Amino acid sequence: MNQKEPIGDLRNMFSYDLSIVWVGILIALIPAFALSIYLARRMKSMWLVFIVGAIGWTVALIRGPILQELAKAFLRSWILSTGAMAAPYISTAINSLFAGVFEEGIRYGLVKKIKRARADSRHVLLFGLGWGFGEAVLIYALPIVSAVYLRGLSLPFTSVLLGALERNMAIAIHVGMTFMILQAVTDVRYLFIAIGVHFTVDFVGVSLYISTGNVWTTYITVLTIALILAEYARRLIKAKKPIETDYTAIPKQLGQY
């Protein structure tokens, strides 16, 4: 019996880790997905906008190889030459800038070119949800499933839970950024504002953690920004500001729910 007890403990631990993983995934993905189901309930074709949003974030990952090549060419040696104190912040600033330029640039290109993505407020909202959902799947759900199922790692519940909550904050930010990019369709200055906001969110969040080592400071800051951007999107929706589009193929019933 004594020989079986360790096996039983391992099974219980593995089962516990799996439960943590799926609780985290549900918290990270269900809110955005449930809202998307509600928005697209009367027009299934709206899921195309959701999918385009998810694909958009994936395409923005092309910044990774570009940044790696630049690092090999000169960035890594230059960053290291700035000293141990400055190097982490400079590296964070460069990564944040690339994220802002590529994500908001691609978001702008898709919203401007794919007129259905800006057909009305619900389409814009669904695009933002898809963008954030795609990010949550690729950088949160898949990695933790891989960590537990394939690598046999044990993940602390607090880390999984905080990561899931962070994904919801990130989705809210992506929704707000999508509405900001919508304004850029008719006023390109909003594109540069969006890049600046995206840079600020990434840089401030990571820099706070580097300087303080306090994850709660980072999360509270990101949550504050997420709430501000969510309120920005809510006010645009409430104002019912006309969306500039010549997409005449949209049926008149599209906005009637």
C-alpha atoms as a PDB file:
ATOM      1  CA  MET A   1       0.000   0.000   0.000  1.00  0.00           C
ATOM      2  CA  ASN A   2       2.840   2.398   0.785  1.00  0.00           C
ATOM      3  CA  GLN A   3       4.162   2.002  -2.752  1.00  0.00           C
ATOM      4  CA  LYS A   4       0.807   3.027  -4.219  1.00  0.00           C
ATOM      5  CA  GLU A   5       0.385   6.153  -2.141  1.00  0.00           C
ATOM      6  CA  PRO A   6       2.939   8.256  -4.103  1.00  0.00           C
ATOM      7  CA  ILE A   7       1.205   7.237  -7.323  1.00  0.00           C
ATOM      8  CA  GLY A   8      -2.123   8.289  -5.897  1.00  0.00           C
ATOM      9  CA  ASP A   9      -0.661  11.604  -4.789  1.00  0.00           C
ATOM     10  CA  LEU A  10       0.732  12.227  -8.270  1.00  0.00           C
ATOM     11  CA  ARG A  11      -2.632  11.459  -9.846  1.00  0.00           C
ATOM     12  CA  ASN A  12      -4.392  13.820  -7.462  1.00  0.00           C
ATOM     13  CA  MET A  13      -1.831  16.533  -8.132  1.00  0.00           C
ATOM     14  CA  PHE A  14      -2.150  16.084 -11.906  1.00  0.00           C
ATOM     15  CA  SER A  15      -5.943  16.204 -11.652  1.00  0.00           C
ATOM     16  CA  TYR A  16      -5.674  19.365  -9.549  1.00  0.00           C
ATOM     17  CA  ASP A  17      -3.380  21.002 -12.123  1.00  0.00           C
ATOM     18  CA  LEU A  18      -5.784  20.123 -14.936  1.00  0.00           C
ATOM     19  CA  SER A  19      -8.664  21.652 -12.993  1.00  0.00           C
ATOM     20  CA  ILE A  20      -6.659  24.846 -12.514  1.00  0.00           C
ATOM     21  CA  VAL A  21      -5.835  24.973 -16.218  1.00  0.00           C
ATOM     22  CA  TRP A  22      -9.441  24.684 -17.353  1.00  0.00           C
ATOM     23  CA  VAL A  23     -10.737  27.114 -14.748  1.00  0.00           C
ATOM     24  CA  GLY A  24      -8.178  29.636 -15.982  1.00  0.00           C
ATOM     25  CA  ILE A  25      -9.034  29.043 -19.624  1.00  0.00           C
ATOM     26  CA  LEU A  26     -12.756  29.418 -18.972  1.00  0.00           C
ATOM     27  CA  ILE A  27     -12.218  32.681 -17.077  1.00  0.00           C
ATOM     28  CA  ALA A  28      -9.939  33.992 -19.841  1.00  0.00           C
ATOM     29  CA  LEU A  29     -12.087  33.054 -22.835  1.00  0.00           C
ATOM     30  CA  ILE A  30     -15.735  32.658 -21.870  1.00  0.00           C
ATOM     31  CA  PRO A  31     -16.651  36.343 -21.202  1.00  0.00           C
ATOM     32  CA  ALA A  32     -15.481  37.554 -24.623  1.00  0.00           C
ATOM     33  CA  PHE A  33     -16.862  34.501 -26.423  1.00  0.00           C
ATOM     34  CA  ALA A  34     -20.241  34.746 -24.680  1.00  0.00           C
ATOM     35  CA  LEU A  35     -20.540  38.425 -25.587  1.00  0.00           C
ATOM     36  CA  SER A  36     -19.605  37.575 -29.184  1.00  0.00           C
ATOM     37  CA  ILE A  37     -22.352  34.944 -29.331  1.00  0.00           C
ATOM     38  CA  TYR A  38     -24.831  37.543 -28.106  1.00  0.00           C
ATOM     39  CA  LEU A  39     -23.712  40.134 -30.662  1.00  0.00           C
ATOM     40  CA  ALA A  40     -23.833  37.697 -33.594  1.00  0.00           C
ATOM     41  CA  ARG A  41     -27.018  35.931 -32.521  1.00  0.00           C
ATOM     42  CA  ARG A  42     -29.132  37.309 -35.400  1.00  0.00           C
ATOM     43  CA  MET A  43     -26.487  37.468 -38.088  1.00  0.00           C
ATOM     44  CA  LYS A  44     -24.110  34.525 -38.272  1.00  0.00           C
ATOM     45  CA  SER A  45     -22.002  36.264 -40.905  1.00  0.00           C
ATOM     46  CA  MET A  46     -20.792  38.593 -38.156  1.00  0.00           C
ATOM     47  CA  TRP A  47     -18.528  35.750 -37.027  1.00  0.00           C
ATOM     48  CA  LEU A  48     -16.400  36.577 -40.071  1.00  0.00           C
ATOM     49  CA  VAL A  49     -15.555  39.894 -38.431  1.00  0.00           C
ATOM     50  CA  PHE A  50     -14.632  38.075 -35.212  1.00  0.00           C
ATOM     51  CA  ILE A  51     -12.374  35.699 -37.162  1.00  0.00           C
ATOM     52  CA  VAL A  52     -10.745  38.557 -39.081  1.00  0.00           C
ATOM     53  CA  GLY A  53      -9.950  40.203 -35.751  1.00  0.00           C
ATOM     54  CA  ALA A  54      -8.321  37.024 -34.448  1.00  0.00           C
ATOM     55  CA  ILE A  55      -6.351  36.624 -37.674  1.00  0.00           C
ATOM     56  CA  GLY A  56      -5.267  40.258 -37.460  1.00  0.00           C
ATOM     57  CA  TRP A  57      -3.536  39.753 -34.118  1.00  0.00           C
ATOM     58  CA  THR A  58      -1.856  36.604 -35.473  1.00  0.00           C
ATOM     59  CA  VAL A  59      -0.572  38.476 -38.532  1.00  0.00           C
ATOM     60  CA  ALA A  60       0.842  41.174 -36.241  1.00  0.00           C
ATOM     61  CA  LEU A  61       3.221  38.527 -34.884  1.00  0.00           C
ATOM     62  CA  ILE A  62       5.393  39.082 -37.970  1.00  0.00           C
ATOM     63  CA  ARG A  63       7.059  41.759 -35.842  1.00  0.00           C
ATOM     64  CA  GLY A  64       8.776  38.957 -33.925  1.00  0.00           C
ATOM     65  CA  PRO A  65      11.081  37.694 -36.695  1.00  0.00           C
ATOM     66  CA  ILE A  66      11.743  41.272 -37.848  1.00  0.00           C
ATOM     67  CA  LEU A  67      12.731  42.313 -34.334  1.00  0.00           C
ATOM     68  CA  GLN A  68      14.918  39.222 -33.954  1.00  0.00           C
ATOM     69  CA  GLU A  69      16.802  40.026 -37.145  1.00  0.00           C
ATOM     70  CA  LEU A  70      17.294  43.625 -36.058  1.00  0.00           C
ATOM     71  CA  ALA A  71      18.520  42.363 -32.688  1.00  0.00           C
ATOM     72  CA  LYS A  72      21.071  40.134 -34.379  1.00  0.00           C
ATOM     73  CA  ALA A  73      22.178  42.968 -36.636  1.00  0.00           C
ATOM     74  CA  PHE A  74      22.716  45.708 -34.062  1.00  0.00           C
ATOM     75  CA  LEU A  75      19.994  46.135 -31.441  1.00  0.00           C
ATOM     76  CA  ARG A  76      21.199  43.526 -28.932  1.00  0.00           C
ATOM     77  CA  SER A  77      24.757  44.867 -28.762  1.00  0.00           C
ATOM     78  CA  TRP A  78      23.497  48.458 -28.568  1.00  0.00           C
ATOM     79  CA  ILE A  79      21.020  47.669 -25.783  1.00  0.00           C
ATOM     80  CA  LEU A  80      23.663  45.838 -23.758  1.00  0.00           C
ATOM     81  CA  SER A  81      26.044  48.762 -24.188  1.00  0.00           C
ATOM     82  CA  THR A  82      23.606  51.059 -22.357  1.00  0.00           C
ATOM     83  CA  GLY A  83      24.304  49.309 -19.054  1.00  0.00           C
ATOM     84  CA  ALA A  84      22.562  46.881 -16.737  1.00  0.00           C
ATOM     85  CA  MET A  85      20.200  49.501 -15.307  1.00  0.00           C
ATOM     86  CA  ALA A  86      18.966  51.004 -18.567  1.00  0.00           C
ATOM     87  CA  ALA A  87      19.018  47.929 -20.827  1.00  0.00           C
ATOM     88  CA  PRO A  88      15.760  46.288 -19.561  1.00  0.00           C
ATOM     89  CA  TYR A  89      13.821  49.535 -20.031  1.00  0.00           C
ATOM     90  CA  ILE A  90      15.260  50.213 -23.474  1.00  0.00           C
ATOM     91  CA  SER A  91      14.476  46.640 -24.531  1.00  0.00           C
ATOM     92  CA  THR A  92      10.937  47.042 -23.189  1.00  0.00           C
ATOM     93  CA  ALA A  93      10.520  50.358 -25.019  1.00  0.00           C
ATOM     94  CA  ILE A  94      11.614  48.829 -28.340  1.00  0.00           C
ATOM     95  CA  ASN A  95       9.322  45.819 -27.938  1.00  0.00           C
ATOM     96  CA  SER A  96       6.432  48.092 -26.926  1.00  0.00           C
ATOM     97  CA  LEU A  97       6.984  50.368 -29.910  1.00  0.00           C
ATOM     98  CA  PHE A  98       7.056  47.442 -32.340  1.00  0.00           C
ATOM     99  CA  ALA A  99       3.884  46.026 -30.782  1.00  0.00           C
ATOM    100  CA  GLY A 100       2.141  49.381 -31.107  1.00  0.00           C
ATOM    101  CA  VAL A 101       3.216  50.004 -34.691  1.00  0.00           C
ATOM    102  CA  PHE A 102       2.463  46.518 -36.004  1.00  0.00           C
ATOM    103  CA  GLU A 103      -0.740  45.789 -34.075  1.00  0.00           C
ATOM    104  CA  GLU A 104      -2.352  49.178 -34.588  1.00  0.00           C
ATOM    105  CA  GLY A 105      -1.052  49.436 -38.141  1.00  0.00           C
ATOM    106  CA  ILE A 106      -2.544  46.080 -39.082  1.00  0.00           C
ATOM    107  CA  ARG A 107      -5.733  46.819 -37.140  1.00  0.00           C
ATOM    108  CA  TYR A 108      -6.052  50.101 -39.053  1.00  0.00           C
ATOM    109  CA  GLY A 109      -5.448  48.401 -42.394  1.00  0.00           C
ATOM    110  CA  LEU A 110      -8.087  45.750 -41.754  1.00  0.00           C
ATOM    111  CA  VAL A 111     -10.724  48.141 -40.411  1.00  0.00           C
ATOM    112  CA  LYS A 112     -10.144  50.541 -43.311  1.00  0.00           C
ATOM    113  CA  LYS A 113     -10.092  47.933 -46.073  1.00  0.00           C
ATOM    114  CA  ILE A 114     -12.737  45.506 -44.783  1.00  0.00           C
ATOM    115  CA  LYS A 115     -15.798  47.704 -44.651  1.00  0.00           C
ATOM    116  CA  ARG A 116     -17.948  45.077 -42.980  1.00  0.00           C
ATOM    117  CA  ALA A 117     -15.637  45.358 -39.953  1.00  0.00           C
ATOM    118  CA  ARG A 118     -16.945  48.912 -39.450  1.00  0.00           C
ATOM    119  CA  ALA A 119     -20.508  48.403 -40.645  1.00  0.00           C
ATOM    120  CA  ASP A 120     -21.891  49.410 -37.249  1.00  0.00           C
ATOM    121  CA  SER A 121     -20.873  49.484 -33.590  1.00  0.00           C
ATOM    122  CA  ARG A 122     -21.579  45.789 -33.100  1.00  0.00           C
ATOM    123  CA  HIS A 123     -19.256  44.825 -35.926  1.00  0.00           C
ATOM    124  CA  VAL A 124     -16.517  47.056 -34.510  1.00  0.00           C
ATOM    125  CA  LEU A 125     -17.017  45.571 -31.061  1.00  0.00           C
ATOM    126  CA  LEU A 126     -16.930  42.031 -32.454  1.00  0.00           C
ATOM    127  CA  PHE A 127     -13.717  42.800 -34.337  1.00  0.00           C
ATOM    128  CA  GLY A 128     -12.064  43.968 -31.100  1.00  0.00           C
ATOM    129  CA  LEU A 129     -13.323  40.916 -29.222  1.00  0.00           C
ATOM    130  CA  GLY A 130     -11.955  38.621 -31.914  1.00  0.00           C
ATOM    131  CA  TRP A 131      -8.584  40.369 -31.783  1.00  0.00           C
ATOM    132  CA  GLY A 132      -8.331  39.952 -28.009  1.00  0.00           C
ATOM    133  CA  PHE A 133      -9.740  36.416 -28.084  1.00  0.00           C
ATOM    134  CA  GLY A 134      -7.148  35.324 -30.641  1.00  0.00           C
ATOM    135  CA  GLU A 135      -4.390  36.757 -28.458  1.00  0.00           C
ATOM    136  CA  ALA A 136      -5.793  35.013 -25.349  1.00  0.00           C
ATOM    137  CA  VAL A 137      -5.850  31.638 -27.098  1.00  0.00           C
ATOM    138  CA  LEU A 138      -2.326  31.904 -28.470  1.00  0.00           C
ATOM    139  CA  ILE A 139      -0.435  33.457 -25.568  1.00  0.00           C
ATOM    140  CA  TYR A 140      -2.448  32.139 -22.623  1.00  0.00           C
ATOM    141  CA  ALA A 141      -4.624  29.075 -23.266  1.00  0.00           C
ATOM    142  CA  LEU A 142      -2.259  27.098 -25.499  1.00  0.00           C
ATOM    143  CA  PRO A 143       0.873  27.760 -23.399  1.00  0.00           C
ATOM    144  CA  ILE A 144      -0.677  26.640 -20.111  1.00  0.00           C
ATOM    145  CA  VAL A 145      -2.214  23.539 -21.711  1.00  0.00           C
ATOM    146  CA  SER A 146       1.211  22.723 -23.162  1.00  0.00           C
ATOM    147  CA  ALA A 147       2.907  23.361 -19.808  1.00  0.00           C
ATOM    148  CA  VAL A 148       0.661  20.937 -17.900  1.00  0.00           C
ATOM    149  CA  TYR A 149      -0.201  18.280 -20.493  1.00  0.00           C
ATOM    150  CA  LEU A 150       3.044  18.070 -22.460  1.00  0.00           C
ATOM    151  CA  ARG A 151       5.719  19.243 -20.038  1.00  0.00           C
ATOM    152  CA  GLY A 152       4.154  18.035 -16.821  1.00  0.00           C
ATOM    153  CA  LEU A 153       4.628  21.325 -14.999  1.00  0.00           C
ATOM    154  CA  SER A 154       2.677  22.315 -11.890  1.00  0.00           C
ATOM    155  CA  LEU A 155       1.210  25.809 -12.143  1.00  0.00           C
ATOM    156  CA  PRO A 156       0.292  27.910  -9.088  1.00  0.00           C
ATOM    157  CA  PHE A 157      -3.399  28.735  -9.000  1.00  0.00           C
ATOM    158  CA  THR A 158      -2.698  32.435  -8.384  1.00  0.00           C
ATOM    159  CA  SER A 159      -0.536  32.670 -11.514  1.00  0.00           C
ATOM    160  CA  VAL A 160      -3.175  30.970 -13.661  1.00  0.00           C
ATOM    161  CA  LEU A 161      -5.959  33.132 -12.224  1.00  0.00           C
ATOM    162  CA  LEU A 162      -4.028  36.397 -12.607  1.00  0.00           C
ATOM    163  CA  GLY A 163      -3.154  35.456 -16.173  1.00  0.00           C
ATOM    164  CA  ALA A 164      -6.817  34.796 -16.943  1.00  0.00           C
ATOM    165  CA  LEU A 165      -7.901  38.113 -15.443  1.00  0.00           C
ATOM    166  CA  GLU A 166      -5.155  39.882 -17.375  1.00  0.00           C
ATOM    167  CA  ARG A 167      -6.524  38.428 -20.613  1.00  0.00           C
ATOM    168  CA  ASN A 168      -9.920  39.964 -19.881  1.00  0.00           C
ATOM    169  CA  MET A 169      -8.262  43.320 -19.270  1.00  0.00           C
ATOM    170  CA  ALA A 170      -6.322  42.950 -22.517  1.00  0.00           C
ATOM    171  CA  ILE A 171      -9.522  42.141 -24.429  1.00  0.00           C
ATOM    172  CA  ALA A 172     -11.152  45.292 -23.031  1.00  0.00           C
ATOM    173  CA  ILE A 173      -8.100  47.275 -24.152  1.00  0.00           C
ATOM    174  CA  HIS A 174      -8.289  45.775 -27.647  1.00  0.00           C
ATOM    175  CA  VAL A 175     -11.957  46.720 -27.908  1.00  0.00           C
ATOM    176  CA  GLY A 176     -11.145  50.309 -26.931  1.00  0.00           C
ATOM    177  CA  MET A 177      -8.223  50.403 -29.362  1.00  0.00           C
ATOM    178  CA  THR A 178     -10.459  49.129 -32.163  1.00  0.00           C
ATOM    179  CA  PHE A 179     -12.919  51.980 -31.616  1.00  0.00           C
ATOM    180  CA  MET A 180      -9.995  54.410 -31.577  1.00  0.00           C
ATOM    181  CA  ILE A 181      -8.762  52.972 -34.876  1.00  0.00           C
ATOM    182  CA  LEU A 182     -12.294  53.371 -36.242  1.00  0.00           C
ATOM    183  CA  GLN A 183     -11.843  57.121 -35.779  1.00  0.00           C
ATOM    184  CA  ALA A 184      -8.560  56.852 -37.709  1.00  0.00           C
ATOM    185  CA  VAL A 185     -10.486  55.775 -40.814  1.00  0.00           C
ATOM    186  CA  THR A 186     -11.640  59.380 -41.195  1.00  0.00           C
ATOM    187  CA  ASP A 187      -8.869  61.100 -39.208  1.00  0.00           C
ATOM    188  CA  VAL A 188      -5.456  59.445 -39.508  1.00  0.00           C
ATOM    189  CA  ARG A 189      -4.195  61.264 -36.425  1.00  0.00           C
ATOM    190  CA  TYR A 190      -6.042  58.695 -34.348  1.00  0.00           C
ATOM    191  CA  LEU A 191      -3.734  56.016 -35.761  1.00  0.00           C
ATOM    192  CA  PHE A 192      -0.728  57.705 -34.187  1.00  0.00           C
ATOM    193  CA  ILE A 193      -2.681  58.243 -30.968  1.00  0.00           C
ATOM    194  CA  ALA A 194      -3.527  54.528 -30.927  1.00  0.00           C
ATOM    195  CA  ILE A 195       0.118  53.577 -31.458  1.00  0.00           C
ATOM    196  CA  GLY A 196       1.093  55.895 -28.615  1.00  0.00           C
ATOM    197  CA  VAL A 197      -1.548  54.460 -26.279  1.00  0.00           C
ATOM    198  CA  HIS A 198      -0.550  50.885 -27.135  1.00  0.00           C
ATOM    199  CA  PHE A 199       3.106  51.716 -26.523  1.00  0.00           C
ATOM    200  CA  THR A 200       2.254  53.327 -23.192  1.00  0.00           C
ATOM    201  CA  VAL A 201       0.190  50.353 -21.975  1.00  0.00           C
ATOM    202  CA  ASP A 202       2.931  47.834 -22.779  1.00  0.00           C
ATOM    203  CA  PHE A 203       5.860  49.957 -21.643  1.00  0.00           C
ATOM    204  CA  VAL A 204       4.349  51.195 -18.387  1.00  0.00           C
ATOM    205  CA  GLY A 205       3.032  47.761 -17.417  1.00  0.00           C
ATOM    206  CA  VAL A 206       6.338  45.952 -17.937  1.00  0.00           C
ATOM    207  CA  SER A 207       8.488  48.788 -16.607  1.00  0.00           C
ATOM    208  CA  LEU A 208       6.509  48.934 -13.374  1.00  0.00           C
ATOM    209  CA  TYR A 209       7.126  45.252 -12.817  1.00  0.00           C
ATOM    210  CA  ILE A 210      10.844  45.608 -13.599  1.00  0.00           C
ATOM    211  CA  SER A 211      11.248  48.521 -11.207  1.00  0.00           C
ATOM    212  CA  THR A 212       9.032  47.340  -8.342  1.00  0.00           C
ATOM    213  CA  GLY A 213       8.792  43.572  -8.705  1.00  0.00           C
ATOM    214  CA  ASN A 214       5.200  43.998  -7.558  1.00  0.00           C
ATOM    215  CA  VAL A 215       2.774  42.280  -9.897  1.00  0.00           C
ATOM    216  CA  TRP A 216      -0.228  43.963  -8.256  1.00  0.00           C
ATOM    217  CA  THR A 217       1.025  47.433  -9.179  1.00  0.00           C
ATOM    218  CA  THR A 218       1.234  46.309 -12.786  1.00  0.00           C
ATOM    219  CA  TYR A 219      -2.227  44.734 -12.789  1.00  0.00           C
ATOM    220  CA  ILE A 220      -3.891  47.731 -11.157  1.00  0.00           C
ATOM    221  CA  THR A 221      -2.287  50.054 -13.711  1.00  0.00           C
ATOM    222  CA  VAL A 222      -3.339  47.869 -16.661  1.00  0.00           C
ATOM    223  CA  LEU A 223      -6.842  47.523 -15.189  1.00  0.00           C
ATOM    224  CA  THR A 224      -7.132  51.306 -14.922  1.00  0.00           C
ATOM    225  CA  ILE A 225      -6.142  51.732 -18.569  1.00  0.00           C
ATOM    226  CA  ALA A 226      -8.523  48.938 -19.596  1.00  0.00           C
ATOM    227  CA  LEU A 227     -11.420  50.625 -17.809  1.00  0.00           C
ATOM    228  CA  ILE A 228     -10.619  53.982 -19.419  1.00  0.00           C
ATOM    229  CA  LEU A 229     -10.547  52.452 -22.910  1.00  0.00           C
ATOM    230  CA  ALA A 230     -13.705  50.426 -22.244  1.00  0.00           C
ATOM    231  CA  GLU A 231     -15.462  53.635 -21.184  1.00  0.00           C
ATOM    232  CA  TYR A 232     -14.146  55.331 -24.342  1.00  0.00           C
ATOM    233  CA  ALA A 233     -15.692  52.579 -26.469  1.00  0.00           C
ATOM    234  CA  ARG A 234     -18.949  52.700 -24.488  1.00  0.00           C
ATOM    235  CA  ARG A 235     -19.310  56.441 -25.043  1.00  0.00           C
ATOM    236  CA  LEU A 236     -18.739  56.072 -28.781  1.00  0.00           C
ATOM    237  CA  ILE A 237     -21.397  53.366 -28.933  1.00  0.00           C
ATOM    238  CA  LYS A 238     -23.817  55.403 -26.815  1.00  0.00           C
ATOM    239  CA  ALA A 239     -23.256  58.525 -28.915  1.00  0.00           C
ATOM    240  CA  LYS A 240     -24.224  56.499 -32.010  1.00  0.00           C
ATOM    241  CA  LYS A 241     -21.761  58.497 -34.045  1.00  0.00           C
ATOM    242  CA  PRO A 242     -22.269  57.751 -37.745  1.00  0.00           C
ATOM    243  CA  ILE A 243     -19.628  55.462 -39.176  1.00  0.00           C
ATOM    244  CA  GLU A 244     -18.170  56.796 -42.398  1.00  0.00           C
ATOM    245  CA  THR A 245     -18.470  54.030 -44.948  1.00  0.00           C
ATOM    246  CA  ASP A 246     -19.508  53.554 -48.538  1.00  0.00           C
ATOM    247  CA  TYR A 247     -20.311  49.896 -47.944  1.00  0.00           C
ATOM    248  CA  THR A 248     -23.583  49.911 -49.835  1.00  0.00           C
ATOM    249  CA  ALA A 249     -23.796  46.107 -49.846  1.00  0.00           C
ATOM    250  CA  ILE A 250     -24.870  46.089 -46.192  1.00  0.00           C
ATOM    251  CA  PRO A 251     -28.623  45.432 -45.923  1.00  0.00           C
ATOM    252  CA  LYS A 252     -30.716  48.063 -44.205  1.00  0.00           C
ATOM    253  CA  GLN A 253     -31.767  45.526 -41.600  1.00  0.00           C
ATOM    254  CA  LEU A 254     -28.138  45.034 -40.501  1.00  0.00           C
ATOM    255  CA  GLY A 255     -28.288  47.511 -37.670  1.00  0.00           C
ATOM    256  CA  GLN A 256     -31.720  46.412 -36.478  1.00  0.00           C
ATOM    257  CA  TYR A 257     -31.500  43.924 -33.622  1.00  0.00           C
END
